[in-house]
Amino acid sequence: MECKVHYVRKKWLDEKQAATYTSLSKRKLFDLRMSGRLSYSKVDGKILYDIDILDNFVENNRVI
């Protein structure tokens, strides 16, 4: 019997996970939210970030 493990990439990250993922502080993420530069969702008072939005944000702010 063969056992396969499938890894699923998370779609949503909470504030702590998003800060770790982007190497930004939670305060910086807050400032970006408040300025309208970074979109987010709020469910039952919990802030959630779409991982694709975070990837795009970091990529679009690349300095060449």
PDB file of N, CA and C in Angstrom:
ATOM      1  N   MET A   1       0.832  -1.169   0.000  1.00  0.00           N
ATOM      2  CA  MET A   1       0.000   0.000   0.000  1.00  0.00           C
ATOM      3  C   MET A   1       0.886   1.245   0.000  1.00  0.00           C
ATOM      4  N   GLU A   2       0.658   2.112  -0.954  1.00  0.00           N
ATOM      5  CA  GLU A   2       1.460   3.321  -1.085  1.00  0.00           C
ATOM      6  C   GLU A   2       0.737   4.496  -0.421  1.00  0.00           C
ATOM      7  N   CYS A   3       1.486   5.248   0.353  1.00  0.00           N
ATOM      8  CA  CYS A   3       0.924   6.413   1.040  1.00  0.00           C
ATOM      9  C   CYS A   3       1.518   7.680   0.419  1.00  0.00           C
ATOM     10  N   LYS A   4       0.655   8.547  -0.089  1.00  0.00           N
ATOM     11  CA  LYS A   4       1.120   9.791  -0.688  1.00  0.00           C
ATOM     12  C   LYS A   4       0.765  10.955   0.223  1.00  0.00           C
ATOM     13  N   VAL A   5       1.694  11.871   0.359  1.00  0.00           N
ATOM     14  CA  VAL A   5       1.466  13.074   1.150  1.00  0.00           C
ATOM     15  C   VAL A   5       1.356  14.245   0.193  1.00  0.00           C
ATOM     16  N   HIS A   6       0.292  14.995   0.327  1.00  0.00           N
ATOM     17  CA  HIS A   6       0.093  16.174  -0.504  1.00  0.00           C
ATOM     18  C   HIS A   6       0.151  17.407   0.385  1.00  0.00           C
ATOM     19  N   TYR A   7       0.949  18.370  -0.032  1.00  0.00           N
ATOM     20  CA  TYR A   7       1.048  19.615   0.719  1.00  0.00           C
ATOM     21  C   TYR A   7       0.163  20.655   0.058  1.00  0.00           C
ATOM     22  N   VAL A   8      -0.594  21.340   0.875  1.00  0.00           N
ATOM     23  CA  VAL A   8      -1.493  22.373   0.393  1.00  0.00           C
ATOM     24  C   VAL A   8      -0.961  23.712   0.879  1.00  0.00           C
ATOM     25  N   ARG A   9      -0.786  24.622  -0.059  1.00  0.00           N
ATOM     26  CA  ARG A   9      -0.316  25.956   0.298  1.00  0.00           C
ATOM     27  C   ARG A   9      -1.474  26.714   0.930  1.00  0.00           C
ATOM     28  N   LYS A  10      -1.195  27.345   2.060  1.00  0.00           N
ATOM     29  CA  LYS A  10      -2.221  28.121   2.742  1.00  0.00           C
ATOM     30  C   LYS A  10      -2.627  29.311   1.896  1.00  0.00           C
ATOM     31  N   LYS A  11      -3.897  29.629   1.880  1.00  0.00           N
ATOM     32  CA  LYS A  11      -4.417  30.765   1.126  1.00  0.00           C
ATOM     33  C   LYS A  11      -4.429  32.034   1.976  1.00  0.00           C
ATOM     34  N   TRP A  12      -4.752  31.903   3.250  1.00  0.00           N
ATOM     35  CA  TRP A  12      -4.891  33.049   4.144  1.00  0.00           C
ATOM     36  C   TRP A  12      -3.913  32.939   5.311  1.00  0.00           C
ATOM     37  N   LEU A  13      -3.319  34.078   5.664  1.00  0.00           N
ATOM     38  CA  LEU A  13      -2.394  34.131   6.796  1.00  0.00           C
ATOM     39  C   LEU A  13      -2.896  35.160   7.799  1.00  0.00           C
ATOM     40  N   ASP A  14      -2.759  34.848   9.085  1.00  0.00           N
ATOM     41  CA  ASP A  14      -3.107  35.851  10.095  1.00  0.00           C
ATOM     42  C   ASP A  14      -1.960  36.865  10.198  1.00  0.00           C
ATOM     43  N   GLU A  15      -2.107  37.855  11.066  1.00  0.00           N
ATOM     44  CA  GLU A  15      -1.118  38.934  11.136  1.00  0.00           C
ATOM     45  C   GLU A  15       0.291  38.432  11.457  1.00  0.00           C
ATOM     46  N   LYS A  16       0.394  37.558  12.428  1.00  0.00           N
ATOM     47  CA  LYS A  16       1.706  37.039  12.822  1.00  0.00           C
ATOM     48  C   LYS A  16       2.347  36.241  11.683  1.00  0.00           C
ATOM     49  N   GLN A  17       1.558  35.385  11.046  1.00  0.00           N
ATOM     50  CA  GLN A  17       2.072  34.590   9.940  1.00  0.00           C
ATOM     51  C   GLN A  17       2.474  35.482   8.760  1.00  0.00           C
ATOM     52  N   ALA A  18       1.662  36.503   8.470  1.00  0.00           N
ATOM     53  CA  ALA A  18       1.963  37.419   7.367  1.00  0.00           C
ATOM     54  C   ALA A  18       3.235  38.205   7.643  1.00  0.00           C
ATOM     55  N   ALA A  19       3.423  38.615   8.884  1.00  0.00           N
ATOM     56  CA  ALA A  19       4.636  39.341   9.257  1.00  0.00           C
ATOM     57  C   ALA A  19       5.867  38.461   9.075  1.00  0.00           C
ATOM     58  N   THR A  20       5.779  37.233   9.519  1.00  0.00           N
ATOM     59  CA  THR A  20       6.889  36.295   9.355  1.00  0.00           C
ATOM     60  C   THR A  20       7.139  36.008   7.874  1.00  0.00           C
ATOM     61  N   TYR A  21       6.074  35.777   7.124  1.00  0.00           N
ATOM     62  CA  TYR A  21       6.181  35.441   5.704  1.00  0.00           C
ATOM     63  C   TYR A  21       6.842  36.554   4.897  1.00  0.00           C
ATOM     64  N   THR A  22       6.501  37.813   5.197  1.00  0.00           N
ATOM     65  CA  THR A  22       7.027  38.948   4.430  1.00  0.00           C
ATOM     66  C   THR A  22       8.266  39.584   5.052  1.00  0.00           C
ATOM     67  N   SER A  23       8.616  39.184   6.258  1.00  0.00           N
ATOM     68  CA  SER A  23       9.708  39.810   7.022  1.00  0.00           C
ATOM     69  C   SER A  23       9.409  41.275   7.333  1.00  0.00           C
ATOM     70  N   LEU A  24       8.126  41.598   7.459  1.00  0.00           N
ATOM     71  CA  LEU A  24       7.695  42.927   7.870  1.00  0.00           C
ATOM     72  C   LEU A  24       7.120  42.822   9.277  1.00  0.00           C
ATOM     73  N   SER A  25       7.174  43.927  10.012  1.00  0.00           N
ATOM     74  CA  SER A  25       6.588  43.918  11.347  1.00  0.00           C
ATOM     75  C   SER A  25       5.067  43.978  11.249  1.00  0.00           C
ATOM     76  N   LYS A  26       4.400  43.570  12.326  1.00  0.00           N
ATOM     77  CA  LYS A  26       2.944  43.678  12.358  1.00  0.00           C
ATOM     78  C   LYS A  26       2.533  45.144  12.270  1.00  0.00           C
ATOM     79  N   ARG A  27       3.325  46.039  12.843  1.00  0.00           N
ATOM     80  CA  ARG A  27       3.039  47.476  12.770  1.00  0.00           C
ATOM     81  C   ARG A  27       3.118  47.977  11.331  1.00  0.00           C
ATOM     82  N   LYS A  28       4.112  47.515  10.580  1.00  0.00           N
ATOM     83  CA  LYS A  28       4.246  47.919   9.177  1.00  0.00           C
ATOM     84  C   LYS A  28       3.051  47.408   8.365  1.00  0.00           C
ATOM     85  N   LEU A  29       2.630  46.185   8.602  1.00  0.00           N
ATOM     86  CA  LEU A  29       1.449  45.657   7.927  1.00  0.00           C
ATOM     87  C   LEU A  29       0.217  46.501   8.267  1.00  0.00           C
ATOM     88  N   PHE A  30       0.104  46.903   9.517  1.00  0.00           N
ATOM     89  CA  PHE A  30      -0.999  47.769   9.939  1.00  0.00           C
ATOM     90  C   PHE A  30      -0.959  49.093   9.175  1.00  0.00           C
ATOM     91  N   ASP A  31       0.206  49.714   9.113  1.00  0.00           N
ATOM     92  CA  ASP A  31       0.350  50.989   8.402  1.00  0.00           C
ATOM     93  C   ASP A  31      -0.016  50.841   6.923  1.00  0.00           C
ATOM     94  N   LEU A  32       0.408  49.752   6.307  1.00  0.00           N
ATOM     95  CA  LEU A  32       0.086  49.512   4.897  1.00  0.00           C
ATOM     96  C   LEU A  32      -1.418  49.303   4.703  1.00  0.00           C
ATOM     97  N   ARG A  33      -2.050  48.623   5.647  1.00  0.00           N
ATOM     98  CA  ARG A  33      -3.512  48.459   5.601  1.00  0.00           C
ATOM     99  C   ARG A  33      -4.218  49.795   5.700  1.00  0.00           C
ATOM    100  N   MET A  34      -3.821  50.585   6.697  1.00  0.00           N
ATOM    101  CA  MET A  34      -4.493  51.858   6.958  1.00  0.00           C
ATOM    102  C   MET A  34      -4.302  52.857   5.817  1.00  0.00           C
ATOM    103  N   SER A  35      -3.176  52.759   5.117  1.00  0.00           N
ATOM    104  CA  SER A  35      -2.916  53.668   3.995  1.00  0.00           C
ATOM    105  C   SER A  35      -3.590  53.192   2.707  1.00  0.00           C
ATOM    106  N   GLY A  36      -4.180  51.998   2.743  1.00  0.00           N
ATOM    107  CA  GLY A  36      -4.844  51.454   1.571  1.00  0.00           C
ATOM    108  C   GLY A  36      -3.906  50.795   0.577  1.00  0.00           C
ATOM    109  N   ARG A  37      -2.659  50.617   0.951  1.00  0.00           N
ATOM    110  CA  ARG A  37      -1.676  50.013   0.048  1.00  0.00           C
ATOM    111  C   ARG A  37      -1.715  48.487   0.063  1.00  0.00           C
ATOM    112  N   LEU A  38      -2.329  47.906   1.088  1.00  0.00           N
ATOM    113  CA  LEU A  38      -2.367  46.447   1.219  1.00  0.00           C
ATOM    114  C   LEU A  38      -3.777  46.029   1.620  1.00  0.00           C
ATOM    115  N   SER A  39      -4.396  45.204   0.793  1.00  0.00           N
ATOM    116  CA  SER A  39      -5.752  44.758   1.096  1.00  0.00           C
ATOM    117  C   SER A  39      -5.723  43.586   2.074  1.00  0.00           C
ATOM    118  N   TYR A  40      -6.845  43.398   2.743  1.00  0.00           N
ATOM    119  CA  TYR A  40      -6.959  42.349   3.755  1.00  0.00           C
ATOM    120  C   TYR A  40      -8.423  42.009   3.935  1.00  0.00           C
ATOM    121  N   SER A  41      -8.684  40.967   4.680  1.00  0.00           N
ATOM    122  CA  SER A  41     -10.044  40.600   5.060  1.00  0.00           C
ATOM    123  C   SER A  41     -10.122  40.595   6.577  1.00  0.00           C
ATOM    124  N   LYS A  42     -11.303  40.851   7.074  1.00  0.00           N
ATOM    125  CA  LYS A  42     -11.520  40.834   8.518  1.00  0.00           C
ATOM    126  C   LYS A  42     -12.711  39.926   8.796  1.00  0.00           C
ATOM    127  N   VAL A  43     -12.455  38.850   9.531  1.00  0.00           N
ATOM    128  CA  VAL A  43     -13.482  37.870   9.859  1.00  0.00           C
ATOM    129  C   VAL A  43     -13.552  37.742  11.375  1.00  0.00           C
ATOM    130  N   ASP A  44     -14.711  38.062  11.924  1.00  0.00           N
ATOM    131  CA  ASP A  44     -14.895  38.009  13.386  1.00  0.00           C
ATOM    132  C   ASP A  44     -13.786  38.762  14.124  1.00  0.00           C
ATOM    133  N   GLY A  45     -13.393  39.897  13.584  1.00  0.00           N
ATOM    134  CA  GLY A  45     -12.372  40.730  14.219  1.00  0.00           C
ATOM    135  C   GLY A  45     -10.941  40.302  13.947  1.00  0.00           C
ATOM    136  N   LYS A  46     -10.762  39.218  13.224  1.00  0.00           N
ATOM    137  CA  LYS A  46      -9.407  38.721  12.937  1.00  0.00           C
ATOM    138  C   LYS A  46      -8.979  39.178  11.547  1.00  0.00           C
ATOM    139  N   ILE A  47      -7.800  39.785  11.472  1.00  0.00           N
ATOM    140  CA  ILE A  47      -7.241  40.257  10.202  1.00  0.00           C
ATOM    141  C   ILE A  47      -6.590  39.084   9.486  1.00  0.00           C
ATOM    142  N   LEU A  48      -6.931  38.930   8.204  1.00  0.00           N
ATOM    143  CA  LEU A  48      -6.360  37.871   7.380  1.00  0.00           C
ATOM    144  C   LEU A  48      -5.829  38.462   6.080  1.00  0.00           C
ATOM    145  N   TYR A  49      -4.688  37.951   5.646  1.00  0.00           N
ATOM    146  CA  TYR A  49      -4.054  38.401   4.412  1.00  0.00           C
ATOM    147  C   TYR A  49      -4.029  37.263   3.412  1.00  0.00           C
ATOM    148  N   ASP A  50      -4.387  37.568   2.186  1.00  0.00           N
ATOM    149  CA  ASP A  50      -4.307  36.611   1.087  1.00  0.00           C
ATOM    150  C   ASP A  50      -2.827  36.485   0.709  1.00  0.00           C
ATOM    151  N   ILE A  51      -2.309  35.277   0.702  1.00  0.00           N
ATOM    152  CA  ILE A  51      -0.884  35.068   0.447  1.00  0.00           C
ATOM    153  C   ILE A  51      -0.483  35.544  -0.950  1.00  0.00           C
ATOM    154  N   ASP A  52      -1.394  35.445  -1.927  1.00  0.00           N
ATOM    155  CA  ASP A  52      -1.088  35.927  -3.275  1.00  0.00           C
ATOM    156  C   ASP A  52      -0.966  37.451  -3.307  1.00  0.00           C
ATOM    157  N   ILE A  53      -1.794  38.138  -2.515  1.00  0.00           N
ATOM    158  CA  ILE A  53      -1.707  39.608  -2.415  1.00  0.00           C
ATOM    159  C   ILE A  53      -0.372  40.001  -1.797  1.00  0.00           C
ATOM    160  N   LEU A  54       0.052  39.280  -0.768  1.00  0.00           N
ATOM    161  CA  LEU A  54       1.350  39.565  -0.141  1.00  0.00           C
ATOM    162  C   LEU A  54       2.485  39.355  -1.137  1.00  0.00           C
ATOM    163  N   ASP A  55       2.430  38.260  -1.887  1.00  0.00           N
ATOM    164  CA  ASP A  55       3.468  37.992  -2.895  1.00  0.00           C
ATOM    165  C   ASP A  55       3.510  39.122  -3.925  1.00  0.00           C
ATOM    166  N   ASN A  56       2.338  39.529  -4.407  1.00  0.00           N
ATOM    167  CA  ASN A  56       2.281  40.597  -5.403  1.00  0.00           C
ATOM    168  C   ASN A  56       2.779  41.923  -4.840  1.00  0.00           C
ATOM    169  N   PHE A  57       2.422  42.216  -3.613  1.00  0.00           N
ATOM    170  CA  PHE A  57       2.857  43.461  -2.985  1.00  0.00           C
ATOM    171  C   PHE A  57       4.381  43.525  -2.906  1.00  0.00           C
ATOM    172  N   VAL A  58       4.982  42.457  -2.419  1.00  0.00           N
ATOM    173  CA  VAL A  58       6.450  42.418  -2.293  1.00  0.00           C
ATOM    174  C   VAL A  58       7.089  42.500  -3.684  1.00  0.00           C
ATOM    175  N   GLU A  59       6.571  41.763  -4.633  1.00  0.00           N
ATOM    176  CA  GLU A  59       7.119  41.760  -5.994  1.00  0.00           C
ATOM    177  C   GLU A  59       7.002  43.147  -6.643  1.00  0.00           C
ATOM    178  N   ASN A  60       5.871  43.819  -6.447  1.00  0.00           N
ATOM    179  CA  ASN A  60       5.659  45.139  -7.045  1.00  0.00           C
ATOM    180  C   ASN A  60       6.492  46.238  -6.395  1.00  0.00           C
ATOM    181  N   ASN A  61       7.069  45.941  -5.237  1.00  0.00           N
ATOM    182  CA  ASN A  61       7.918  46.926  -4.546  1.00  0.00           C
ATOM    183  C   ASN A  61       9.396  46.570  -4.653  1.00  0.00           C
ATOM    184  N   ARG A  62       9.701  45.722  -5.594  1.00  0.00           N
ATOM    185  CA  ARG A  62      11.105  45.314  -5.826  1.00  0.00           C
ATOM    186  C   ARG A  62      11.891  46.505  -6.354  1.00  0.00           C
ATOM    187  N   VAL A  63      13.098  46.662  -5.859  1.00  0.00           N
ATOM    188  CA  VAL A  63      14.008  47.708  -6.338  1.00  0.00           C
ATOM    189  C   VAL A  63      15.064  47.025  -7.192  1.00  0.00           C
ATOM    190  N   ILE A  64      15.186  47.523  -8.412  1.00  0.00           N
ATOM    191  CA  ILE A  64      16.140  46.906  -9.346  1.00  0.00           C
ATOM    192  C   ILE A  64      17.402  47.727  -9.413  1.00  0.00           C
TER     193      ILE A  64
END
